[in-house]
């Protein structure tokens, strides 16, 4: 079982969210260089993440205490949680891309990322007994307002019933991943590896139908796949799942809202995108709300799970 301090848990979740923010840029490079669709890119992301963690998991398996191996019922529950994590990851990715196709990137991002902490807060209250309180809920609301300002950024929004539905399904799936790994926070490496392996298998048929191998420079493509698999995938999810051992599920999901801030900054610095005054204000509002929520979490730590 992996337990960390609240301070370290907050740091891990923050690093994970920052690393996730670089995943969009890596995915864009893969799409431009290899001509693959988003589902195929997600498959390679899961596959590379699993390949990164496999030798680490093997090393840990040879040196860890094996008490948890006793009992077929316990093993079945453990594998069930890992399988559920993988399926939820695959649903989250696929539904998100369907939302992008129906409503566009901005709306899909706002609804998916914005709805996740709402789902997590409601379910965590019912299932885990977590309470944010008035101050915590206020910080979460301010963070969602900042997210909306940042991502929509004054541009046109194209809502559709289908796109909104897909985005909410993606948010619900990711909320499930967060809650499951908050309730059972032991063995983050095993949970992450298993999630990638199961999720990759779920995405493989869709990836094969859309084309699995790149058309462009293979060296550049595989370098981008390696980065995507190591930093915003293997590293980020292990840190996130480890942080969930000491941080409330709702707090972790709100901190994850900073992901678009990093993505927006990379868009400005690397791709020449425009960052308006509304976007700057939204990013500042979001970061301030997340910082306040993190300070509250340190003063009122959540009970350890596992």
C-alpha atoms as a PDB file:
ATOM      1  CA  UNK A   1       0.000   0.000   0.000  1.00  0.00           C
ATOM      2  CA  UNK A   2       1.326   3.457  -0.891  1.00  0.00           C
ATOM      3  CA  UNK A   3       0.656   6.293   1.572  1.00  0.00           C
ATOM      4  CA  UNK A   4       2.096   9.795   1.205  1.00  0.00           C
ATOM      5  CA  UNK A   5       1.649  13.009   3.160  1.00  0.00           C
ATOM      6  CA  UNK A   6      -1.061  15.466   2.125  1.00  0.00           C
ATOM      7  CA  UNK A   7       1.579  17.956   1.032  1.00  0.00           C
ATOM      8  CA  UNK A   8       3.300  15.398  -1.154  1.00  0.00           C
ATOM      9  CA  UNK A   9      -0.021  14.114  -2.465  1.00  0.00           C
ATOM     10  CA  UNK A  10      -0.989  17.633  -3.557  1.00  0.00           C
ATOM     11  CA  UNK A  11       2.389  18.006  -5.235  1.00  0.00           C
ATOM     12  CA  UNK A  12       1.989  14.699  -7.075  1.00  0.00           C
ATOM     13  CA  UNK A  13      -1.489  15.591  -8.351  1.00  0.00           C
ATOM     14  CA  UNK A  14      -0.280  19.035  -9.452  1.00  0.00           C
ATOM     15  CA  UNK A  15       2.677  17.568 -11.347  1.00  0.00           C
ATOM     16  CA  UNK A  16       0.358  15.025 -12.967  1.00  0.00           C
ATOM     17  CA  UNK A  17      -2.028  17.750 -14.141  1.00  0.00           C
ATOM     18  CA  UNK A  18       0.893  19.783 -15.513  1.00  0.00           C
ATOM     19  CA  UNK A  19       2.255  16.747 -17.355  1.00  0.00           C
ATOM     20  CA  UNK A  20      -1.193  16.026 -18.823  1.00  0.00           C
ATOM     21  CA  UNK A  21      -1.159  19.547 -20.240  1.00  0.00           C
ATOM     22  CA  UNK A  22       1.777  18.564 -22.482  1.00  0.00           C
ATOM     23  CA  UNK A  23      -0.071  15.533 -23.825  1.00  0.00           C
ATOM     24  CA  UNK A  24      -2.187  17.575 -26.221  1.00  0.00           C
ATOM     25  CA  UNK A  25       0.879  19.068 -27.879  1.00  0.00           C
ATOM     26  CA  UNK A  26       2.496  15.632 -28.184  1.00  0.00           C
ATOM     27  CA  UNK A  27      -0.719  14.251 -29.657  1.00  0.00           C
ATOM     28  CA  UNK A  28      -0.877  17.138 -32.147  1.00  0.00           C
ATOM     29  CA  UNK A  29       2.676  16.389 -33.262  1.00  0.00           C
ATOM     30  CA  UNK A  30       1.782  12.718 -33.701  1.00  0.00           C
ATOM     31  CA  UNK A  31      -1.268  13.635 -35.746  1.00  0.00           C
ATOM     32  CA  UNK A  32       0.688  16.019 -37.977  1.00  0.00           C
ATOM     33  CA  UNK A  33       3.724  13.769 -38.427  1.00  0.00           C
ATOM     34  CA  UNK A  34       2.039  10.390 -38.646  1.00  0.00           C
ATOM     35  CA  UNK A  35      -1.409  11.117 -40.051  1.00  0.00           C
ATOM     36  CA  UNK A  36      -3.147   9.054 -37.359  1.00  0.00           C
ATOM     37  CA  UNK A  37      -6.596   9.652 -35.935  1.00  0.00           C
ATOM     38  CA  UNK A  38      -7.033  10.458 -32.205  1.00  0.00           C
ATOM     39  CA  UNK A  39      -8.125   6.920 -31.279  1.00  0.00           C
ATOM     40  CA  UNK A  40      -4.945   5.439 -32.774  1.00  0.00           C
ATOM     41  CA  UNK A  41      -2.880   8.031 -30.929  1.00  0.00           C
ATOM     42  CA  UNK A  42      -4.639   7.079 -27.692  1.00  0.00           C
ATOM     43  CA  UNK A  43      -3.847   3.420 -28.340  1.00  0.00           C
ATOM     44  CA  UNK A  44      -0.144   4.199 -28.777  1.00  0.00           C
ATOM     45  CA  UNK A  45      -0.285   6.364 -25.648  1.00  0.00           C
ATOM     46  CA  UNK A  46      -1.646   3.472 -23.585  1.00  0.00           C
ATOM     47  CA  UNK A  47       0.716   0.963 -25.191  1.00  0.00           C
ATOM     48  CA  UNK A  48       3.786   3.127 -24.597  1.00  0.00           C
ATOM     49  CA  UNK A  49       2.666   3.843 -21.039  1.00  0.00           C
ATOM     50  CA  UNK A  50       2.258   0.133 -20.312  1.00  0.00           C
ATOM     51  CA  UNK A  51       5.648  -0.638 -21.871  1.00  0.00           C
ATOM     52  CA  UNK A  52       7.254   2.039 -19.691  1.00  0.00           C
ATOM     53  CA  UNK A  53       5.796   0.631 -16.490  1.00  0.00           C
ATOM     54  CA  UNK A  54       6.286  -3.078 -17.218  1.00  0.00           C
ATOM     55  CA  UNK A  55       9.984  -3.310 -16.194  1.00  0.00           C
ATOM     56  CA  UNK A  56       9.345  -1.103 -13.144  1.00  0.00           C
ATOM     57  CA  UNK A  57       6.437  -3.283 -12.089  1.00  0.00           C
ATOM     58  CA  UNK A  58       8.544  -6.408 -12.605  1.00  0.00           C
ATOM     59  CA  UNK A  59      11.309  -4.981 -10.420  1.00  0.00           C
ATOM     60  CA  UNK A  60       8.864  -3.972  -7.692  1.00  0.00           C
ATOM     61  CA  UNK A  61       7.199  -7.375  -7.891  1.00  0.00           C
ATOM     62  CA  UNK A  62      10.470  -9.115  -7.103  1.00  0.00           C
ATOM     63  CA  UNK A  63      11.147  -6.962  -4.042  1.00  0.00           C
ATOM     64  CA  UNK A  64       7.777  -6.182  -2.446  1.00  0.00           C
ATOM     65  CA  UNK A  65       5.980  -7.820   0.438  1.00  0.00           C
ATOM     66  CA  UNK A  66       3.704 -10.488  -1.060  1.00  0.00           C
ATOM     67  CA  UNK A  67       1.124 -10.593   1.707  1.00  0.00           C
ATOM     68  CA  UNK A  68      -1.530  -9.230  -0.652  1.00  0.00           C
ATOM     69  CA  UNK A  69      -1.128 -12.298  -2.840  1.00  0.00           C
ATOM     70  CA  UNK A  70      -2.847 -14.501  -0.236  1.00  0.00           C
ATOM     71  CA  UNK A  71      -6.461 -15.282  -0.945  1.00  0.00           C
ATOM     72  CA  UNK A  72      -8.204 -15.785  -4.274  1.00  0.00           C
ATOM     73  CA  UNK A  73     -11.060 -13.443  -3.347  1.00  0.00           C
ATOM     74  CA  UNK A  74      -8.687 -10.570  -2.675  1.00  0.00           C
ATOM     75  CA  UNK A  75      -6.851 -11.237  -5.926  1.00  0.00           C
ATOM     76  CA  UNK A  76     -10.117 -11.278  -7.861  1.00  0.00           C
ATOM     77  CA  UNK A  77     -11.159  -7.934  -6.421  1.00  0.00           C
ATOM     78  CA  UNK A  78      -7.777  -6.441  -7.215  1.00  0.00           C
ATOM     79  CA  UNK A  79      -7.870  -7.584 -10.830  1.00  0.00           C
ATOM     80  CA  UNK A  80     -11.462  -6.425 -11.087  1.00  0.00           C
ATOM     81  CA  UNK A  81     -10.502  -2.906 -10.004  1.00  0.00           C
ATOM     82  CA  UNK A  82      -7.639  -2.827 -12.490  1.00  0.00           C
ATOM     83  CA  UNK A  83      -9.887  -4.043 -15.325  1.00  0.00           C
ATOM     84  CA  UNK A  84     -12.547  -1.479 -14.421  1.00  0.00           C
ATOM     85  CA  UNK A  85      -9.907   1.266 -14.458  1.00  0.00           C
ATOM     86  CA  UNK A  86      -8.764   0.245 -17.942  1.00  0.00           C
ATOM     87  CA  UNK A  87     -12.273   0.074 -19.384  1.00  0.00           C
ATOM     88  CA  UNK A  88     -13.123   3.467 -17.876  1.00  0.00           C
ATOM     89  CA  UNK A  89      -9.941   4.969 -19.355  1.00  0.00           C
ATOM     90  CA  UNK A  90     -10.844   3.649 -22.809  1.00  0.00           C
ATOM     91  CA  UNK A  91     -14.419   4.950 -22.527  1.00  0.00           C
ATOM     92  CA  UNK A  92     -13.135   8.327 -21.363  1.00  0.00           C
ATOM     93  CA  UNK A  93     -10.793   8.706 -24.342  1.00  0.00           C
ATOM     94  CA  UNK A  94     -13.215   7.455 -26.982  1.00  0.00           C
ATOM     95  CA  UNK A  95     -16.177   9.487 -25.695  1.00  0.00           C
ATOM     96  CA  UNK A  96     -14.051  12.609 -25.528  1.00  0.00           C
ATOM     97  CA  UNK A  97     -12.996  12.286 -29.148  1.00  0.00           C
ATOM     98  CA  UNK A  98     -16.623  11.714 -30.137  1.00  0.00           C
ATOM     99  CA  UNK A  99     -17.532  14.915 -28.265  1.00  0.00           C
ATOM    100  CA  UNK A 100     -14.807  16.829 -30.121  1.00  0.00           C
ATOM    101  CA  UNK A 101     -16.180  15.564 -33.446  1.00  0.00           C
ATOM    102  CA  UNK A 102     -19.731  16.647 -32.538  1.00  0.00           C
ATOM    103  CA  UNK A 103     -19.200  19.945 -30.711  1.00  0.00           C
ATOM    104  CA  UNK A 104     -15.618  21.019 -31.317  1.00  0.00           C
ATOM    105  CA  UNK A 105     -12.533  21.006 -29.115  1.00  0.00           C
ATOM    106  CA  UNK A 106     -13.398  23.971 -26.873  1.00  0.00           C
ATOM    107  CA  UNK A 107     -16.891  22.844 -25.875  1.00  0.00           C
ATOM    108  CA  UNK A 108     -15.834  19.203 -25.485  1.00  0.00           C
ATOM    109  CA  UNK A 109     -12.960  20.252 -23.222  1.00  0.00           C
ATOM    110  CA  UNK A 110     -15.070  22.559 -21.056  1.00  0.00           C
ATOM    111  CA  UNK A 111     -17.886  20.038 -20.580  1.00  0.00           C
ATOM    112  CA  UNK A 112     -15.628  17.023 -20.045  1.00  0.00           C
ATOM    113  CA  UNK A 113     -13.058  18.567 -17.727  1.00  0.00           C
ATOM    114  CA  UNK A 114     -15.586  20.844 -16.050  1.00  0.00           C
ATOM    115  CA  UNK A 115     -18.171  18.141 -15.352  1.00  0.00           C
ATOM    116  CA  UNK A 116     -15.634  15.703 -13.895  1.00  0.00           C
ATOM    117  CA  UNK A 117     -15.194  17.413 -10.494  1.00  0.00           C
ATOM    118  CA  UNK A 118     -18.976  17.841 -10.254  1.00  0.00           C
ATOM    119  CA  UNK A 119     -19.489  14.103 -10.738  1.00  0.00           C
ATOM    120  CA  UNK A 120     -16.605  13.309  -8.400  1.00  0.00           C
ATOM    121  CA  UNK A 121     -17.885  15.646  -5.668  1.00  0.00           C
ATOM    122  CA  UNK A 122     -21.375  14.154  -5.745  1.00  0.00           C
ATOM    123  CA  UNK A 123     -20.217  10.531  -5.804  1.00  0.00           C
ATOM    124  CA  UNK A 124     -17.434  11.071  -3.247  1.00  0.00           C
ATOM    125  CA  UNK A 125     -19.970  12.566  -0.839  1.00  0.00           C
ATOM    126  CA  UNK A 126     -22.245   9.540  -1.218  1.00  0.00           C
ATOM    127  CA  UNK A 127     -19.694   6.743  -1.501  1.00  0.00           C
ATOM    128  CA  UNK A 128     -16.629   7.967   0.398  1.00  0.00           C
ATOM    129  CA  UNK A 129     -18.138  10.408   2.873  1.00  0.00           C
ATOM    130  CA  UNK A 130     -15.946  13.268   1.630  1.00  0.00           C
ATOM    131  CA  UNK A 131     -17.105  16.819   2.339  1.00  0.00           C
ATOM    132  CA  UNK A 132     -15.651  19.927   0.730  1.00  0.00           C
ATOM    133  CA  UNK A 133     -17.638  22.436   2.761  1.00  0.00           C
ATOM    134  CA  UNK A 134     -18.773  25.858   1.606  1.00  0.00           C
ATOM    135  CA  UNK A 135     -15.243  27.208   1.063  1.00  0.00           C
ATOM    136  CA  UNK A 136     -14.197  24.160  -0.924  1.00  0.00           C
ATOM    137  CA  UNK A 137     -17.309  24.235  -3.077  1.00  0.00           C
ATOM    138  CA  UNK A 138     -16.801  27.953  -3.682  1.00  0.00           C
ATOM    139  CA  UNK A 139     -13.213  27.362  -4.803  1.00  0.00           C
ATOM    140  CA  UNK A 140     -14.387  24.606  -7.148  1.00  0.00           C
ATOM    141  CA  UNK A 141     -17.042  26.901  -8.644  1.00  0.00           C
ATOM    142  CA  UNK A 142     -14.475  29.661  -9.220  1.00  0.00           C
ATOM    143  CA  UNK A 143     -12.108  27.146 -10.823  1.00  0.00           C
ATOM    144  CA  UNK A 144     -14.871  26.017 -13.216  1.00  0.00           C
ATOM    145  CA  UNK A 145     -15.584  29.645 -14.134  1.00  0.00           C
ATOM    146  CA  UNK A 146     -11.893  30.188 -14.860  1.00  0.00           C
ATOM    147  CA  UNK A 147     -11.793  27.025 -16.961  1.00  0.00           C
ATOM    148  CA  UNK A 148     -14.730  28.231 -19.055  1.00  0.00           C
ATOM    149  CA  UNK A 149     -13.120  31.640 -19.614  1.00  0.00           C
ATOM    150  CA  UNK A 150      -9.810  30.046 -20.566  1.00  0.00           C
ATOM    151  CA  UNK A 151     -10.999  27.358 -22.952  1.00  0.00           C
ATOM    152  CA  UNK A 152     -13.846  29.180 -24.686  1.00  0.00           C
ATOM    153  CA  UNK A 153     -11.777  32.389 -24.693  1.00  0.00           C
ATOM    154  CA  UNK A 154     -14.510  34.518 -26.239  1.00  0.00           C
ATOM    155  CA  UNK A 155     -14.756  32.377 -29.353  1.00  0.00           C
ATOM    156  CA  UNK A 156     -17.867  30.795 -30.843  1.00  0.00           C
ATOM    157  CA  UNK A 157     -19.270  27.787 -29.034  1.00  0.00           C
ATOM    158  CA  UNK A 158     -21.121  25.053 -30.889  1.00  0.00           C
ATOM    159  CA  UNK A 159     -23.135  22.986 -28.434  1.00  0.00           C
ATOM    160  CA  UNK A 160     -24.982  19.894 -29.603  1.00  0.00           C
ATOM    161  CA  UNK A 161     -26.987  17.321 -27.717  1.00  0.00           C
ATOM    162  CA  UNK A 162     -24.824  14.481 -29.011  1.00  0.00           C
ATOM    163  CA  UNK A 163     -21.554  16.277 -28.291  1.00  0.00           C
ATOM    164  CA  UNK A 164     -22.662  17.222 -24.790  1.00  0.00           C
ATOM    165  CA  UNK A 165     -23.779  13.659 -24.131  1.00  0.00           C
ATOM    166  CA  UNK A 166     -20.433  12.220 -25.247  1.00  0.00           C
ATOM    167  CA  UNK A 167     -18.564  14.778 -23.139  1.00  0.00           C
ATOM    168  CA  UNK A 168     -20.630  13.929 -20.048  1.00  0.00           C
ATOM    169  CA  UNK A 169     -19.981  10.222 -20.638  1.00  0.00           C
ATOM    170  CA  UNK A 170     -16.256  10.948 -20.848  1.00  0.00           C
ATOM    171  CA  UNK A 171     -16.444  12.965 -17.626  1.00  0.00           C
ATOM    172  CA  UNK A 172     -18.373  10.206 -15.865  1.00  0.00           C
ATOM    173  CA  UNK A 173     -15.803   7.601 -16.939  1.00  0.00           C
ATOM    174  CA  UNK A 174     -12.908   9.700 -15.713  1.00  0.00           C
ATOM    175  CA  UNK A 175     -14.742  10.398 -12.467  1.00  0.00           C
ATOM    176  CA  UNK A 176     -15.030   6.628 -12.071  1.00  0.00           C
ATOM    177  CA  UNK A 177     -11.266   6.249 -12.526  1.00  0.00           C
ATOM    178  CA  UNK A 178     -10.649   8.912  -9.882  1.00  0.00           C
ATOM    179  CA  UNK A 179     -13.098   7.495  -7.356  1.00  0.00           C
ATOM    180  CA  UNK A 180     -12.011   3.900  -7.827  1.00  0.00           C
ATOM    181  CA  UNK A 181      -8.371   4.728  -7.256  1.00  0.00           C
ATOM    182  CA  UNK A 182      -9.193   7.019  -4.337  1.00  0.00           C
ATOM    183  CA  UNK A 183     -11.181   4.295  -2.596  1.00  0.00           C
ATOM    184  CA  UNK A 184      -8.488   1.656  -3.288  1.00  0.00           C
ATOM    185  CA  UNK A 185      -5.265   3.641  -3.426  1.00  0.00           C
ATOM    186  CA  UNK A 186      -2.833   0.749  -2.911  1.00  0.00           C
ATOM    187  CA  UNK A 187      -0.373  -0.289  -5.606  1.00  0.00           C
ATOM    188  CA  UNK A 188      -0.499   2.712  -7.975  1.00  0.00           C
ATOM    189  CA  UNK A 189       1.996   1.090 -10.361  1.00  0.00           C
ATOM    190  CA  UNK A 190      -0.097  -2.057 -10.771  1.00  0.00           C
ATOM    191  CA  UNK A 191      -3.313  -0.071 -11.158  1.00  0.00           C
ATOM    192  CA  UNK A 192      -1.751   2.237 -13.746  1.00  0.00           C
ATOM    193  CA  UNK A 193      -0.138  -0.539 -15.766  1.00  0.00           C
ATOM    194  CA  UNK A 194      -3.290  -2.643 -15.699  1.00  0.00           C
ATOM    195  CA  UNK A 195      -5.393   0.333 -16.717  1.00  0.00           C
ATOM    196  CA  UNK A 196      -3.163   1.035 -19.703  1.00  0.00           C
ATOM    197  CA  UNK A 197      -3.085  -2.608 -20.771  1.00  0.00           C
ATOM    198  CA  UNK A 198      -6.859  -3.086 -20.572  1.00  0.00           C
ATOM    199  CA  UNK A 199      -7.556   0.339 -22.080  1.00  0.00           C
ATOM    200  CA  UNK A 200      -5.174  -0.328 -24.969  1.00  0.00           C
ATOM    201  CA  UNK A 201      -6.863  -3.647 -25.724  1.00  0.00           C
ATOM    202  CA  UNK A 202     -10.262  -1.912 -25.722  1.00  0.00           C
ATOM    203  CA  UNK A 203      -9.030   0.745 -28.163  1.00  0.00           C
ATOM    204  CA  UNK A 204      -7.115  -1.625 -30.451  1.00  0.00           C
ATOM    205  CA  UNK A 205     -10.055  -2.622 -32.726  1.00  0.00           C
ATOM    206  CA  UNK A 206     -10.992   1.028 -33.311  1.00  0.00           C
ATOM    207  CA  UNK A 207      -7.345   1.954 -33.859  1.00  0.00           C
ATOM    208  CA  UNK A 208      -6.874  -0.819 -36.414  1.00  0.00           C
ATOM    209  CA  UNK A 209      -9.901   0.340 -38.391  1.00  0.00           C
ATOM    210  CA  UNK A 210      -8.520   3.884 -38.571  1.00  0.00           C
ATOM    211  CA  UNK A 211      -4.912   2.970 -39.359  1.00  0.00           C
ATOM    212  CA  UNK A 212      -2.332   2.082 -36.751  1.00  0.00           C
ATOM    213  CA  UNK A 213       1.025   2.862 -38.388  1.00  0.00           C
ATOM    214  CA  UNK A 214       2.327   6.339 -39.265  1.00  0.00           C
ATOM    215  CA  UNK A 215       2.797   7.748 -42.746  1.00  0.00           C
ATOM    216  CA  UNK A 216       5.590  10.246 -41.989  1.00  0.00           C
ATOM    217  CA  UNK A 217       9.089  10.118 -40.510  1.00  0.00           C
ATOM    218  CA  UNK A 218       9.145   7.012 -38.291  1.00  0.00           C
ATOM    219  CA  UNK A 219      12.005   8.283 -36.091  1.00  0.00           C
ATOM    220  CA  UNK A 220      10.140  11.460 -35.176  1.00  0.00           C
ATOM    221  CA  UNK A 221       6.908   9.544 -34.702  1.00  0.00           C
ATOM    222  CA  UNK A 222       8.370   6.994 -32.309  1.00  0.00           C
ATOM    223  CA  UNK A 223      10.203   9.708 -30.368  1.00  0.00           C
ATOM    224  CA  UNK A 224       6.887  11.509 -29.885  1.00  0.00           C
ATOM    225  CA  UNK A 225       5.208   8.228 -28.880  1.00  0.00           C
ATOM    226  CA  UNK A 226       7.961   7.615 -26.324  1.00  0.00           C
ATOM    227  CA  UNK A 227       7.480  11.056 -24.785  1.00  0.00           C
ATOM    228  CA  UNK A 228       3.694  10.702 -24.757  1.00  0.00           C
ATOM    229  CA  UNK A 229       3.952   7.292 -23.107  1.00  0.00           C
ATOM    230  CA  UNK A 230       6.500   8.285 -20.457  1.00  0.00           C
ATOM    231  CA  UNK A 231       5.657  11.823 -19.274  1.00  0.00           C
ATOM    232  CA  UNK A 232       1.923  12.640 -19.650  1.00  0.00           C
ATOM    233  CA  UNK A 233       0.914   8.985 -19.357  1.00  0.00           C
ATOM    234  CA  UNK A 234       3.043   6.663 -17.189  1.00  0.00           C
ATOM    235  CA  UNK A 235       4.556   9.324 -14.939  1.00  0.00           C
ATOM    236  CA  UNK A 236       1.406  11.443 -14.692  1.00  0.00           C
ATOM    237  CA  UNK A 237      -1.007   8.627 -13.864  1.00  0.00           C
ATOM    238  CA  UNK A 238       1.300   6.977 -11.316  1.00  0.00           C
ATOM    239  CA  UNK A 239       1.702  10.310  -9.541  1.00  0.00           C
ATOM    240  CA  UNK A 240      -2.036  10.999  -9.724  1.00  0.00           C
ATOM    241  CA  UNK A 241      -3.013   7.590  -8.358  1.00  0.00           C
ATOM    242  CA  UNK A 242      -0.365   7.868  -5.623  1.00  0.00           C
ATOM    243  CA  UNK A 243      -1.579  11.333  -4.663  1.00  0.00           C
ATOM    244  CA  UNK A 244      -5.134  10.043  -4.355  1.00  0.00           C
ATOM    245  CA  UNK A 245      -4.000   8.081  -1.319  1.00  0.00           C
ATOM    246  CA  UNK A 246      -3.951  11.278   0.768  1.00  0.00           C
ATOM    247  CA  UNK A 247      -5.931  13.885  -1.202  1.00  0.00           C
ATOM    248  CA  UNK A 248      -9.714  14.057  -1.458  1.00  0.00           C
ATOM    249  CA  UNK A 249     -11.055  12.821  -4.772  1.00  0.00           C
ATOM    250  CA  UNK A 250     -12.855  16.116  -5.410  1.00  0.00           C
ATOM    251  CA  UNK A 251      -9.765  18.171  -4.578  1.00  0.00           C
ATOM    252  CA  UNK A 252      -7.660  16.055  -6.953  1.00  0.00           C
ATOM    253  CA  UNK A 253     -10.211  16.445  -9.744  1.00  0.00           C
ATOM    254  CA  UNK A 254     -10.315  20.232  -9.295  1.00  0.00           C
ATOM    255  CA  UNK A 255      -6.503  20.458  -9.292  1.00  0.00           C
ATOM    256  CA  UNK A 256      -6.597  18.506 -12.560  1.00  0.00           C
ATOM    257  CA  UNK A 257      -8.401  21.499 -14.082  1.00  0.00           C
ATOM    258  CA  UNK A 258      -5.006  23.197 -14.456  1.00  0.00           C
ATOM    259  CA  UNK A 259      -4.275  20.843 -17.367  1.00  0.00           C
ATOM    260  CA  UNK A 260      -5.705  23.301 -19.964  1.00  0.00           C
ATOM    261  CA  UNK A 261      -3.510  26.071 -18.522  1.00  0.00           C
ATOM    262  CA  UNK A 262      -0.360  24.157 -19.429  1.00  0.00           C
ATOM    263  CA  UNK A 263      -1.815  23.203 -22.803  1.00  0.00           C
ATOM    264  CA  UNK A 264      -2.673  26.833 -23.540  1.00  0.00           C
ATOM    265  CA  UNK A 265       0.817  27.985 -22.562  1.00  0.00           C
ATOM    266  CA  UNK A 266       2.384  25.403 -24.875  1.00  0.00           C
ATOM    267  CA  UNK A 267       0.037  26.503 -27.651  1.00  0.00           C
ATOM    268  CA  UNK A 268       1.248  30.089 -27.285  1.00  0.00           C
ATOM    269  CA  UNK A 269       4.950  29.270 -26.965  1.00  0.00           C
ATOM    270  CA  UNK A 270       5.265  26.398 -29.438  1.00  0.00           C
ATOM    271  CA  UNK A 271       2.441  26.843 -31.938  1.00  0.00           C
ATOM    272  CA  UNK A 272       2.010  30.619 -32.053  1.00  0.00           C
ATOM    273  CA  UNK A 273      -1.559  30.577 -30.767  1.00  0.00           C
ATOM    274  CA  UNK A 274      -3.140  33.783 -29.430  1.00  0.00           C
ATOM    275  CA  UNK A 275      -3.765  34.177 -25.708  1.00  0.00           C
ATOM    276  CA  UNK A 276      -6.377  36.904 -25.125  1.00  0.00           C
ATOM    277  CA  UNK A 277      -7.037  38.969 -22.015  1.00  0.00           C
ATOM    278  CA  UNK A 278     -10.007  36.710 -21.232  1.00  0.00           C
ATOM    279  CA  UNK A 279      -7.799  33.642 -21.446  1.00  0.00           C
ATOM    280  CA  UNK A 280      -5.203  35.191 -19.150  1.00  0.00           C
ATOM    281  CA  UNK A 281      -7.894  36.173 -16.645  1.00  0.00           C
ATOM    282  CA  UNK A 282      -9.437  32.713 -16.783  1.00  0.00           C
ATOM    283  CA  UNK A 283      -6.065  31.032 -16.236  1.00  0.00           C
ATOM    284  CA  UNK A 284      -5.295  33.328 -13.280  1.00  0.00           C
ATOM    285  CA  UNK A 285      -8.718  32.706 -11.745  1.00  0.00           C
ATOM    286  CA  UNK A 286      -8.353  28.953 -12.184  1.00  0.00           C
ATOM    287  CA  UNK A 287      -4.875  28.807 -10.667  1.00  0.00           C
ATOM    288  CA  UNK A 288      -5.895  31.000  -7.715  1.00  0.00           C
ATOM    289  CA  UNK A 289      -8.913  28.801  -6.951  1.00  0.00           C
ATOM    290  CA  UNK A 290      -6.825  25.638  -7.158  1.00  0.00           C
ATOM    291  CA  UNK A 291      -4.183  27.148  -4.855  1.00  0.00           C
ATOM    292  CA  UNK A 292      -6.828  28.067  -2.263  1.00  0.00           C
ATOM    293  CA  UNK A 293      -8.336  24.589  -2.430  1.00  0.00           C
ATOM    294  CA  UNK A 294      -4.892  23.027  -1.984  1.00  0.00           C
ATOM    295  CA  UNK A 295      -4.244  25.175   1.094  1.00  0.00           C
ATOM    296  CA  UNK A 296      -7.568  24.050   2.549  1.00  0.00           C
ATOM    297  CA  UNK A 297      -6.674  20.417   1.898  1.00  0.00           C
ATOM    298  CA  UNK A 298      -3.441  20.815   3.839  1.00  0.00           C
ATOM    299  CA  UNK A 299      -5.311  22.300   6.815  1.00  0.00           C
ATOM    300  CA  UNK A 300      -8.065  19.669   6.763  1.00  0.00           C
ATOM    301  CA  UNK A 301      -6.528  16.443   5.406  1.00  0.00           C
ATOM    302  CA  UNK A 302      -8.792  13.706   4.142  1.00  0.00           C
ATOM    303  CA  UNK A 303      -8.778  10.286   5.813  1.00  0.00           C
ATOM    304  CA  UNK A 304      -6.342   7.749   4.382  1.00  0.00           C
ATOM    305  CA  UNK A 305      -7.941   5.073   2.212  1.00  0.00           C
ATOM    306  CA  UNK A 306      -6.733   1.823   0.766  1.00  0.00           C
END
